[in-house]
ModelCIF file with pLDDT and N, C-alpha, C, O atoms, coordinates in Angstrom:
data_MODEL
#
_entry.id   MODEL 
#
_entity.id                         1 
_entity.type                       polymer 
_entity.pdbx_number_of_molecules   1 
#
_entity_poly.entity_id                      1 
_entity_poly.type                           'polypeptide(L)' 
_entity_poly.nstd_linkage                   no 
_entity_poly.nstd_monomer                   no 
_entity_poly.pdbx_seq_one_letter_code       APLRPDVPGFERPNVHTLRSLEDADALIAAAEKARSVAVVGASF 
_entity_poly.pdbx_seq_one_letter_code_can   APLRPDVPGFERPNVHTLRSLEDADALIAAAEKARSVAVVGASF 
_entity_poly.pdbx_strand_id                 A 
#
loop_
_entity_poly_seq.entity_id 
_entity_poly_seq.num 
_entity_poly_seq.mon_id 
_entity_poly_seq.hetero 
1 1  ALA n 
1 2  PRO n 
1 3  LEU n 
1 4  ARG n 
1 5  PRO n 
1 6  ASP n 
1 7  VAL n 
1 8  PRO n 
1 9  GLY n 
1 10 PHE n 
1 11 GLU n 
1 12 ARG n 
1 13 PRO n 
1 14 ASN n 
1 15 VAL n 
1 16 HIS n 
1 17 THR n 
1 18 LEU n 
1 19 ARG n 
1 20 SER n 
1 21 LEU n 
1 22 GLU n 
1 23 ASP n 
1 24 ALA n 
1 25 ASP n 
1 26 ALA n 
1 27 LEU n 
1 28 ILE n 
1 29 ALA n 
1 30 ALA n 
1 31 ALA n 
1 32 GLU n 
1 33 LYS n 
1 34 ALA n 
1 35 ARG n 
1 36 SER n 
1 37 VAL n 
1 38 ALA n 
1 39 VAL n 
1 40 VAL n 
1 41 GLY n 
1 42 ALA n 
1 43 SER n 
1 44 PHE n 
#
_struct_asym.id          A 
_struct_asym.entity_id   1 
#
loop_
_ma_qa_metric.id 
_ma_qa_metric.mode 
_ma_qa_metric.name 
_ma_qa_metric.software_group_id 
_ma_qa_metric.type 
1 global pLDDT . pLDDT 
2 local  pLDDT . pLDDT 
#
_ma_qa_metric_global.metric_id      1 
_ma_qa_metric_global.metric_value   96.59 
_ma_qa_metric_global.model_id       1 
_ma_qa_metric_global.ordinal_id     1 
#
loop_
_ma_qa_metric_local.label_asym_id 
_ma_qa_metric_local.label_comp_id 
_ma_qa_metric_local.label_seq_id 
_ma_qa_metric_local.metric_id 
_ma_qa_metric_local.metric_value 
_ma_qa_metric_local.model_id 
_ma_qa_metric_local.ordinal_id 
A ALA 1  2 96.00 1 1  
A PRO 2  2 95.00 1 2  
A LEU 3  2 95.00 1 3  
A ARG 4  2 95.00 1 4  
A PRO 5  2 96.00 1 5  
A ASP 6  2 96.00 1 6  
A VAL 7  2 97.00 1 7  
A PRO 8  2 97.00 1 8  
A GLY 9  2 97.00 1 9  
A PHE 10 2 97.00 1 10 
A GLU 11 2 97.00 1 11 
A ARG 12 2 97.00 1 12 
A PRO 13 2 97.00 1 13 
A ASN 14 2 97.00 1 14 
A VAL 15 2 98.00 1 15 
A HIS 16 2 98.00 1 16 
A THR 17 2 97.00 1 17 
A LEU 18 2 97.00 1 18 
A ARG 19 2 95.00 1 19 
A SER 20 2 96.00 1 20 
A LEU 21 2 97.00 1 21 
A GLU 22 2 97.00 1 22 
A ASP 23 2 97.00 1 23 
A ALA 24 2 97.00 1 24 
A ASP 25 2 97.00 1 25 
A ALA 26 2 97.00 1 26 
A LEU 27 2 97.00 1 27 
A ILE 28 2 97.00 1 28 
A ALA 29 2 97.00 1 29 
A ALA 30 2 97.00 1 30 
A ALA 31 2 96.00 1 31 
A GLU 32 2 95.00 1 32 
A LYS 33 2 94.00 1 33 
A ALA 34 2 96.00 1 34 
A ARG 35 2 96.00 1 35 
A SER 36 2 97.00 1 36 
A VAL 37 2 98.00 1 37 
A ALA 38 2 98.00 1 38 
A VAL 39 2 98.00 1 39 
A VAL 40 2 98.00 1 40 
A GLY 41 2 97.00 1 41 
A ALA 42 2 97.00 1 42 
A SER 43 2 95.00 1 43 
A PHE 44 2 95.00 1 44 
#
loop_
_atom_site.group_PDB 
_atom_site.id 
_atom_site.type_symbol 
_atom_site.label_atom_id 
_atom_site.label_alt_id 
_atom_site.label_comp_id 
_atom_site.label_asym_id 
_atom_site.label_entity_id 
_atom_site.label_seq_id 
_atom_site.pdbx_PDB_ins_code 
_atom_site.Cartn_x 
_atom_site.Cartn_y 
_atom_site.Cartn_z 
_atom_site.occupancy 
_atom_site.B_iso_or_equiv 
_atom_site.pdbx_formal_charge 
_atom_site.auth_seq_id 
_atom_site.auth_comp_id 
_atom_site.auth_asym_id 
_atom_site.auth_atom_id 
_atom_site.pdbx_PDB_model_num 
ATOM 1   N N  . ALA A 1 1  ? 18.861 125.131 -85.607 1.00 96.00 ? 1  ALA A N  1 
ATOM 2   C CA . ALA A 1 1  ? 17.938 124.151 -85.087 1.00 96.00 ? 1  ALA A CA 1 
ATOM 3   C C  . ALA A 1 1  ? 17.556 124.068 -83.782 1.00 96.00 ? 1  ALA A C  1 
ATOM 4   O O  . ALA A 1 1  ? 18.452 124.285 -82.966 1.00 96.00 ? 1  ALA A O  1 
ATOM 5   N N  . PRO A 1 2  ? 16.524 123.825 -83.381 1.00 95.00 ? 2  PRO A N  1 
ATOM 6   C CA . PRO A 1 2  ? 16.049 123.665 -81.774 1.00 95.00 ? 2  PRO A CA 1 
ATOM 7   C C  . PRO A 1 2  ? 17.154 122.726 -81.093 1.00 95.00 ? 2  PRO A C  1 
ATOM 8   O O  . PRO A 1 2  ? 17.572 121.740 -81.699 1.00 95.00 ? 2  PRO A O  1 
ATOM 9   N N  . LEU A 1 3  ? 17.598 123.051 -79.856 1.00 95.00 ? 3  LEU A N  1 
ATOM 10  C CA . LEU A 1 3  ? 18.371 121.915 -79.128 1.00 95.00 ? 3  LEU A CA 1 
ATOM 11  C C  . LEU A 1 3  ? 17.386 121.105 -78.358 1.00 95.00 ? 3  LEU A C  1 
ATOM 12  O O  . LEU A 1 3  ? 16.281 121.513 -77.999 1.00 95.00 ? 3  LEU A O  1 
ATOM 13  N N  . ARG A 1 4  ? 17.959 119.741 -78.103 1.00 95.00 ? 4  ARG A N  1 
ATOM 14  C CA . ARG A 1 4  ? 16.943 118.794 -77.447 1.00 95.00 ? 4  ARG A CA 1 
ATOM 15  C C  . ARG A 1 4  ? 17.641 118.270 -76.264 1.00 95.00 ? 4  ARG A C  1 
ATOM 16  O O  . ARG A 1 4  ? 18.400 117.361 -76.598 1.00 95.00 ? 4  ARG A O  1 
ATOM 17  N N  . PRO A 1 5  ? 17.658 118.487 -75.128 1.00 96.00 ? 5  PRO A N  1 
ATOM 18  C CA . PRO A 1 5  ? 18.665 118.387 -74.339 1.00 96.00 ? 5  PRO A CA 1 
ATOM 19  C C  . PRO A 1 5  ? 18.676 116.595 -74.178 1.00 96.00 ? 5  PRO A C  1 
ATOM 20  O O  . PRO A 1 5  ? 17.787 115.843 -74.577 1.00 96.00 ? 5  PRO A O  1 
ATOM 21  N N  . ASP A 1 6  ? 19.622 116.305 -73.658 1.00 96.00 ? 6  ASP A N  1 
ATOM 22  C CA . ASP A 1 6  ? 19.871 114.735 -73.445 1.00 96.00 ? 6  ASP A CA 1 
ATOM 23  C C  . ASP A 1 6  ? 19.418 114.455 -72.120 1.00 96.00 ? 6  ASP A C  1 
ATOM 24  O O  . ASP A 1 6  ? 20.227 114.198 -71.229 1.00 96.00 ? 6  ASP A O  1 
ATOM 25  N N  . VAL A 1 7  ? 18.090 114.489 -71.909 1.00 97.00 ? 7  VAL A N  1 
ATOM 26  C CA . VAL A 1 7  ? 17.163 114.061 -70.829 1.00 97.00 ? 7  VAL A CA 1 
ATOM 27  C C  . VAL A 1 7  ? 16.395 112.849 -71.114 1.00 97.00 ? 7  VAL A C  1 
ATOM 28  O O  . VAL A 1 7  ? 15.714 112.783 -72.137 1.00 97.00 ? 7  VAL A O  1 
ATOM 29  N N  . PRO A 1 8  ? 16.474 111.697 -70.112 1.00 97.00 ? 8  PRO A N  1 
ATOM 30  C CA . PRO A 1 8  ? 15.649 110.506 -70.432 1.00 97.00 ? 8  PRO A CA 1 
ATOM 31  C C  . PRO A 1 8  ? 14.282 110.914 -70.518 1.00 97.00 ? 8  PRO A C  1 
ATOM 32  O O  . PRO A 1 8  ? 13.806 111.640 -69.645 1.00 97.00 ? 8  PRO A O  1 
ATOM 33  N N  . GLY A 1 9  ? 13.565 110.489 -71.549 1.00 97.00 ? 9  GLY A N  1 
ATOM 34  C CA . GLY A 1 9  ? 12.161 110.615 -72.013 1.00 97.00 ? 9  GLY A CA 1 
ATOM 35  C C  . GLY A 1 9  ? 12.176 111.752 -72.963 1.00 97.00 ? 9  GLY A C  1 
ATOM 36  O O  . GLY A 1 9  ? 11.061 111.794 -73.483 1.00 97.00 ? 9  GLY A O  1 
ATOM 37  N N  . PHE A 1 10 ? 12.860 112.597 -73.376 1.00 97.00 ? 10 PHE A N  1 
ATOM 38  C CA . PHE A 1 10 ? 12.745 114.034 -74.262 1.00 97.00 ? 10 PHE A CA 1 
ATOM 39  C C  . PHE A 1 10 ? 12.509 113.415 -75.560 1.00 97.00 ? 10 PHE A C  1 
ATOM 40  O O  . PHE A 1 10 ? 12.064 114.142 -76.449 1.00 97.00 ? 10 PHE A O  1 
ATOM 41  N N  . GLU A 1 11 ? 12.740 112.170 -75.812 1.00 97.00 ? 11 GLU A N  1 
ATOM 42  C CA . GLU A 1 11 ? 12.712 111.253 -77.221 1.00 97.00 ? 11 GLU A CA 1 
ATOM 43  C C  . GLU A 1 11 ? 11.171 111.140 -77.386 1.00 97.00 ? 11 GLU A C  1 
ATOM 44  O O  . GLU A 1 11 ? 10.686 111.182 -78.517 1.00 97.00 ? 11 GLU A O  1 
ATOM 45  N N  . ARG A 1 12 ? 10.506 111.019 -76.446 1.00 97.00 ? 12 ARG A N  1 
ATOM 46  C CA . ARG A 1 12 ? 9.268  110.669 -76.508 1.00 97.00 ? 12 ARG A CA 1 
ATOM 47  C C  . ARG A 1 12 ? 8.358  111.359 -77.641 1.00 97.00 ? 12 ARG A C  1 
ATOM 48  O O  . ARG A 1 12 ? 8.782  112.433 -78.067 1.00 97.00 ? 12 ARG A O  1 
ATOM 49  N N  . PRO A 1 13 ? 7.088  110.839 -78.209 1.00 97.00 ? 13 PRO A N  1 
ATOM 50  C CA . PRO A 1 13 ? 6.352  111.622 -79.111 1.00 97.00 ? 13 PRO A CA 1 
ATOM 51  C C  . PRO A 1 13 ? 5.759  112.927 -78.460 1.00 97.00 ? 13 PRO A C  1 
ATOM 52  O O  . PRO A 1 13 ? 5.805  113.961 -79.126 1.00 97.00 ? 13 PRO A O  1 
ATOM 53  N N  . ASN A 1 14 ? 5.294  112.941 -77.403 1.00 97.00 ? 14 ASN A N  1 
ATOM 54  C CA . ASN A 1 14 ? 4.725  113.574 -76.707 1.00 97.00 ? 14 ASN A CA 1 
ATOM 55  C C  . ASN A 1 14 ? 5.729  114.944 -76.427 1.00 97.00 ? 14 ASN A C  1 
ATOM 56  O O  . ASN A 1 14 ? 5.309  116.004 -75.962 1.00 97.00 ? 14 ASN A O  1 
ATOM 57  N N  . VAL A 1 15 ? 6.776  114.743 -76.715 1.00 98.00 ? 15 VAL A N  1 
ATOM 58  C CA . VAL A 1 15 ? 7.910  115.931 -76.301 1.00 98.00 ? 15 VAL A CA 1 
ATOM 59  C C  . VAL A 1 15 ? 7.998  116.586 -77.710 1.00 98.00 ? 15 VAL A C  1 
ATOM 60  O O  . VAL A 1 15 ? 8.144  115.939 -78.747 1.00 98.00 ? 15 VAL A O  1 
ATOM 61  N N  . HIS A 1 16 ? 7.878  118.160 -77.622 1.00 98.00 ? 16 HIS A N  1 
ATOM 62  C CA . HIS A 1 16 ? 7.766  118.695 -78.714 1.00 98.00 ? 16 HIS A CA 1 
ATOM 63  C C  . HIS A 1 16 ? 8.803  120.007 -78.873 1.00 98.00 ? 16 HIS A C  1 
ATOM 64  O O  . HIS A 1 16 ? 8.761  120.770 -77.908 1.00 98.00 ? 16 HIS A O  1 
ATOM 65  N N  . THR A 1 17 ? 9.569  120.316 -79.767 1.00 97.00 ? 17 THR A N  1 
ATOM 66  C CA . THR A 1 17 ? 10.277 121.486 -79.989 1.00 97.00 ? 17 THR A CA 1 
ATOM 67  C C  . THR A 1 17 ? 9.389  122.445 -80.992 1.00 97.00 ? 17 THR A C  1 
ATOM 68  O O  . THR A 1 17 ? 8.481  121.864 -81.585 1.00 97.00 ? 17 THR A O  1 
ATOM 69  N N  . LEU A 1 18 ? 9.526  123.616 -81.202 1.00 97.00 ? 18 LEU A N  1 
ATOM 70  C CA . LEU A 1 18 ? 8.786  124.615 -82.066 1.00 97.00 ? 18 LEU A CA 1 
ATOM 71  C C  . LEU A 1 18 ? 9.854  125.259 -82.802 1.00 97.00 ? 18 LEU A C  1 
ATOM 72  O O  . LEU A 1 18 ? 10.516 126.019 -82.095 1.00 97.00 ? 18 LEU A O  1 
ATOM 73  N N  . ARG A 1 19 ? 10.268 125.170 -84.177 1.00 95.00 ? 19 ARG A N  1 
ATOM 74  C CA . ARG A 1 19 ? 10.615 125.918 -84.970 1.00 95.00 ? 19 ARG A CA 1 
ATOM 75  C C  . ARG A 1 19 ? 10.075 126.162 -86.294 1.00 95.00 ? 19 ARG A C  1 
ATOM 76  O O  . ARG A 1 19 ? 10.398 127.189 -86.890 1.00 95.00 ? 19 ARG A O  1 
ATOM 77  N N  . SER A 1 20 ? 9.306  125.342 -86.797 1.00 96.00 ? 20 SER A N  1 
ATOM 78  C CA . SER A 1 20 ? 8.886  125.516 -88.117 1.00 96.00 ? 20 SER A CA 1 
ATOM 79  C C  . SER A 1 20 ? 7.200  125.678 -87.988 1.00 96.00 ? 20 SER A C  1 
ATOM 80  O O  . SER A 1 20 ? 6.645  125.785 -86.894 1.00 96.00 ? 20 SER A O  1 
ATOM 81  N N  . LEU A 1 21 ? 6.531  125.680 -89.185 1.00 97.00 ? 21 LEU A N  1 
ATOM 82  C CA . LEU A 1 21 ? 4.833  125.781 -89.468 1.00 97.00 ? 21 LEU A CA 1 
ATOM 83  C C  . LEU A 1 21 ? 4.740  123.940 -89.098 1.00 97.00 ? 21 LEU A C  1 
ATOM 84  O O  . LEU A 1 21 ? 3.868  123.461 -88.373 1.00 97.00 ? 21 LEU A O  1 
ATOM 85  N N  . GLU A 1 22 ? 5.523  123.358 -89.584 1.00 97.00 ? 22 GLU A N  1 
ATOM 86  C CA . GLU A 1 22 ? 5.107  121.734 -89.393 1.00 97.00 ? 22 GLU A CA 1 
ATOM 87  C C  . GLU A 1 22 ? 5.067  121.560 -87.849 1.00 97.00 ? 22 GLU A C  1 
ATOM 88  O O  . GLU A 1 22 ? 4.094  121.014 -87.327 1.00 97.00 ? 22 GLU A O  1 
ATOM 89  N N  . ASP A 1 23 ? 6.317  122.109 -86.967 1.00 97.00 ? 23 ASP A N  1 
ATOM 90  C CA . ASP A 1 23 ? 6.081  121.956 -85.908 1.00 97.00 ? 23 ASP A CA 1 
ATOM 91  C C  . ASP A 1 23 ? 5.020  122.468 -85.076 1.00 97.00 ? 23 ASP A C  1 
ATOM 92  O O  . ASP A 1 23 ? 4.650  121.997 -84.001 1.00 97.00 ? 23 ASP A O  1 
ATOM 93  N N  . ALA A 1 24 ? 4.545  123.533 -85.711 1.00 97.00 ? 24 ALA A N  1 
ATOM 94  C CA . ALA A 1 24 ? 3.344  124.254 -85.042 1.00 97.00 ? 24 ALA A CA 1 
ATOM 95  C C  . ALA A 1 24 ? 2.010  123.384 -85.307 1.00 97.00 ? 24 ALA A C  1 
ATOM 96  O O  . ALA A 1 24 ? 1.182  123.201 -84.415 1.00 97.00 ? 24 ALA A O  1 
ATOM 97  N N  . ASP A 1 25 ? 1.885  122.909 -86.501 1.00 97.00 ? 25 ASP A N  1 
ATOM 98  C CA . ASP A 1 25 ? 0.935  122.118 -86.770 1.00 97.00 ? 25 ASP A CA 1 
ATOM 99  C C  . ASP A 1 25 ? 0.952  120.982 -85.979 1.00 97.00 ? 25 ASP A C  1 
ATOM 100 O O  . ASP A 1 25 ? -0.203 120.671 -85.688 1.00 97.00 ? 25 ASP A O  1 
ATOM 101 N N  . ALA A 1 26 ? 1.845  120.171 -85.470 1.00 97.00 ? 26 ALA A N  1 
ATOM 102 C CA . ALA A 1 26 ? 2.057  119.132 -84.763 1.00 97.00 ? 26 ALA A CA 1 
ATOM 103 C C  . ALA A 1 26 ? 1.654  119.394 -83.285 1.00 97.00 ? 26 ALA A C  1 
ATOM 104 O O  . ALA A 1 26 ? 1.100  118.575 -82.551 1.00 97.00 ? 26 ALA A O  1 
ATOM 105 N N  . LEU A 1 27 ? 2.014  120.651 -82.965 1.00 97.00 ? 27 LEU A N  1 
ATOM 106 C CA . LEU A 1 27 ? 1.800  121.186 -81.298 1.00 97.00 ? 27 LEU A CA 1 
ATOM 107 C C  . LEU A 1 27 ? 0.462  121.388 -81.249 1.00 97.00 ? 27 LEU A C  1 
ATOM 108 O O  . LEU A 1 27 ? -0.105 121.053 -80.208 1.00 97.00 ? 27 LEU A O  1 
ATOM 109 N N  . ILE A 1 28 ? -0.418 122.032 -82.462 1.00 97.00 ? 28 ILE A N  1 
ATOM 110 C CA . ILE A 1 28 ? -1.808 122.339 -82.381 1.00 97.00 ? 28 ILE A CA 1 
ATOM 111 C C  . ILE A 1 28 ? -2.595 121.003 -81.836 1.00 97.00 ? 28 ILE A C  1 
ATOM 112 O O  . ILE A 1 28 ? -3.248 120.873 -80.801 1.00 97.00 ? 28 ILE A O  1 
ATOM 113 N N  . ALA A 1 29 ? -2.308 120.025 -82.912 1.00 97.00 ? 29 ALA A N  1 
ATOM 114 C CA . ALA A 1 29 ? -2.795 118.801 -82.960 1.00 97.00 ? 29 ALA A CA 1 
ATOM 115 C C  . ALA A 1 29 ? -2.635 118.102 -81.499 1.00 97.00 ? 29 ALA A C  1 
ATOM 116 O O  . ALA A 1 29 ? -3.534 117.340 -81.142 1.00 97.00 ? 29 ALA A O  1 
ATOM 117 N N  . ALA A 1 30 ? -1.573 118.322 -80.678 1.00 97.00 ? 30 ALA A N  1 
ATOM 118 C CA . ALA A 1 30 ? -1.379 117.459 -79.673 1.00 97.00 ? 30 ALA A CA 1 
ATOM 119 C C  . ALA A 1 30 ? -2.034 118.135 -78.681 1.00 97.00 ? 30 ALA A C  1 
ATOM 120 O O  . ALA A 1 30 ? -2.688 117.546 -77.821 1.00 97.00 ? 30 ALA A O  1 
ATOM 121 N N  . ALA A 1 31 ? -1.888 119.563 -78.738 1.00 96.00 ? 31 ALA A N  1 
ATOM 122 C CA . ALA A 1 31 ? -2.776 120.389 -77.673 1.00 96.00 ? 31 ALA A CA 1 
ATOM 123 C C  . ALA A 1 31 ? -4.109 120.007 -77.493 1.00 96.00 ? 31 ALA A C  1 
ATOM 124 O O  . ALA A 1 31 ? -4.590 120.091 -76.363 1.00 96.00 ? 31 ALA A O  1 
ATOM 125 N N  . GLU A 1 32 ? -4.985 119.479 -78.712 1.00 95.00 ? 32 GLU A N  1 
ATOM 126 C CA . GLU A 1 32 ? -6.278 119.316 -78.695 1.00 95.00 ? 32 GLU A CA 1 
ATOM 127 C C  . GLU A 1 32 ? -6.598 118.258 -77.957 1.00 95.00 ? 32 GLU A C  1 
ATOM 128 O O  . GLU A 1 32 ? -7.777 118.082 -77.649 1.00 95.00 ? 32 GLU A O  1 
ATOM 129 N N  . LYS A 1 33 ? -5.663 117.428 -77.573 1.00 94.00 ? 33 LYS A N  1 
ATOM 130 C CA . LYS A 1 33 ? -5.909 116.112 -76.869 1.00 94.00 ? 33 LYS A CA 1 
ATOM 131 C C  . LYS A 1 33 ? -5.419 116.264 -75.337 1.00 94.00 ? 33 LYS A C  1 
ATOM 132 O O  . LYS A 1 33 ? -5.711 115.396 -74.514 1.00 94.00 ? 33 LYS A O  1 
ATOM 133 N N  . ALA A 1 34 ? -4.735 117.295 -75.022 1.00 96.00 ? 34 ALA A N  1 
ATOM 134 C CA . ALA A 1 34 ? -3.956 117.459 -73.859 1.00 96.00 ? 34 ALA A CA 1 
ATOM 135 C C  . ALA A 1 34 ? -4.658 118.400 -72.822 1.00 96.00 ? 34 ALA A C  1 
ATOM 136 O O  . ALA A 1 34 ? -5.319 119.398 -73.106 1.00 96.00 ? 34 ALA A O  1 
ATOM 137 N N  . ARG A 1 35 ? -4.423 117.955 -71.689 1.00 96.00 ? 35 ARG A N  1 
ATOM 138 C CA . ARG A 1 35 ? -5.327 118.690 -70.376 1.00 96.00 ? 35 ARG A CA 1 
ATOM 139 C C  . ARG A 1 35 ? -4.128 119.739 -69.798 1.00 96.00 ? 35 ARG A C  1 
ATOM 140 O O  . ARG A 1 35 ? -4.364 120.935 -69.625 1.00 96.00 ? 35 ARG A O  1 
ATOM 141 N N  . SER A 1 36 ? -2.837 119.136 -69.530 1.00 97.00 ? 36 SER A N  1 
ATOM 142 C CA . SER A 1 36 ? -1.854 119.922 -68.994 1.00 97.00 ? 36 SER A CA 1 
ATOM 143 C C  . SER A 1 36 ? -0.606 119.871 -69.964 1.00 97.00 ? 36 SER A C  1 
ATOM 144 O O  . SER A 1 36 ? -0.330 118.904 -70.674 1.00 97.00 ? 36 SER A O  1 
ATOM 145 N N  . VAL A 1 37 ? 0.149  121.121 -69.888 1.00 98.00 ? 37 VAL A N  1 
ATOM 146 C CA . VAL A 1 37 ? 1.397  121.567 -70.815 1.00 98.00 ? 37 VAL A CA 1 
ATOM 147 C C  . VAL A 1 37 ? 2.239  121.701 -70.150 1.00 98.00 ? 37 VAL A C  1 
ATOM 148 O O  . VAL A 1 37 ? 1.923  122.281 -69.111 1.00 98.00 ? 37 VAL A O  1 
ATOM 149 N N  . ALA A 1 38 ? 3.838  121.280 -70.271 1.00 98.00 ? 38 ALA A N  1 
ATOM 150 C CA . ALA A 1 38 ? 4.752  121.697 -69.548 1.00 98.00 ? 38 ALA A CA 1 
ATOM 151 C C  . ALA A 1 38 ? 5.798  122.189 -70.452 1.00 98.00 ? 38 ALA A C  1 
ATOM 152 O O  . ALA A 1 38 ? 6.246  121.574 -71.419 1.00 98.00 ? 38 ALA A O  1 
ATOM 153 N N  . VAL A 1 39 ? 6.149  123.368 -70.044 1.00 98.00 ? 39 VAL A N  1 
ATOM 154 C CA . VAL A 1 39 ? 7.346  124.093 -71.111 1.00 98.00 ? 39 VAL A CA 1 
ATOM 155 C C  . VAL A 1 39 ? 8.312  124.115 -70.339 1.00 98.00 ? 39 VAL A C  1 
ATOM 156 O O  . VAL A 1 39 ? 8.309  124.664 -69.238 1.00 98.00 ? 39 VAL A O  1 
ATOM 157 N N  . VAL A 1 40 ? 9.495  123.350 -70.984 1.00 98.00 ? 40 VAL A N  1 
ATOM 158 C CA . VAL A 1 40 ? 10.840 123.445 -70.335 1.00 98.00 ? 40 VAL A CA 1 
ATOM 159 C C  . VAL A 1 40 ? 11.837 124.454 -71.105 1.00 98.00 ? 40 VAL A C  1 
ATOM 160 O O  . VAL A 1 40 ? 12.265 124.333 -72.253 1.00 98.00 ? 40 VAL A O  1 
ATOM 161 N N  . GLY A 1 41 ? 12.060 125.345 -70.300 1.00 97.00 ? 41 GLY A N  1 
ATOM 162 C CA . GLY A 1 41 ? 12.848 126.442 -70.406 1.00 97.00 ? 41 GLY A CA 1 
ATOM 163 C C  . GLY A 1 41 ? 11.818 127.958 -70.397 1.00 97.00 ? 41 GLY A C  1 
ATOM 164 O O  . GLY A 1 41 ? 10.678 127.996 -70.859 1.00 97.00 ? 41 GLY A O  1 
ATOM 165 N N  . ALA A 1 42 ? 12.440 128.964 -69.852 1.00 97.00 ? 42 ALA A N  1 
ATOM 166 C CA . ALA A 1 42 ? 11.654 130.047 -69.653 1.00 97.00 ? 42 ALA A CA 1 
ATOM 167 C C  . ALA A 1 42 ? 12.295 131.242 -70.744 1.00 97.00 ? 42 ALA A C  1 
ATOM 168 O O  . ALA A 1 42 ? 12.372 132.429 -70.428 1.00 97.00 ? 42 ALA A O  1 
ATOM 169 N N  . SER A 1 43 ? 12.650 130.805 -71.817 1.00 95.00 ? 43 SER A N  1 
ATOM 170 C CA . SER A 1 43 ? 13.095 131.806 -72.978 1.00 95.00 ? 43 SER A CA 1 
ATOM 171 C C  . SER A 1 43 ? 11.741 132.439 -73.481 1.00 95.00 ? 43 SER A C  1 
ATOM 172 O O  . SER A 1 43 ? 10.629 132.102 -73.075 1.00 95.00 ? 43 SER A O  1 
ATOM 173 N N  . PHE A 1 44 ? 12.016 133.453 -74.471 1.00 95.00 ? 44 PHE A N  1 
ATOM 174 C CA . PHE A 1 44 ? 11.244 134.087 -75.127 1.00 95.00 ? 44 PHE A CA 1 
ATOM 175 C C  . PHE A 1 44 ? 9.904  132.825 -75.841 1.00 95.00 ? 44 PHE A C  1 
ATOM 176 O O  . PHE A 1 44 ? 8.990  133.235 -76.557 1.00 95.00 ? 44 PHE A O  1 
#
C-alpha cells in the first residue's frame, strides 16, 4: 500500500497516491482541471 507521509495538508482531496487503476482514474480526472502538478518523491 502507498505510504502517505504525516505532513500537514497531505490529507487534502487534491493530494493523490498512485497504486490502483481507480487511483489512476482519479488522477486523470484531477489533471484535467489542474495547470500545475507537484510530485513529492523522485522514485520510479
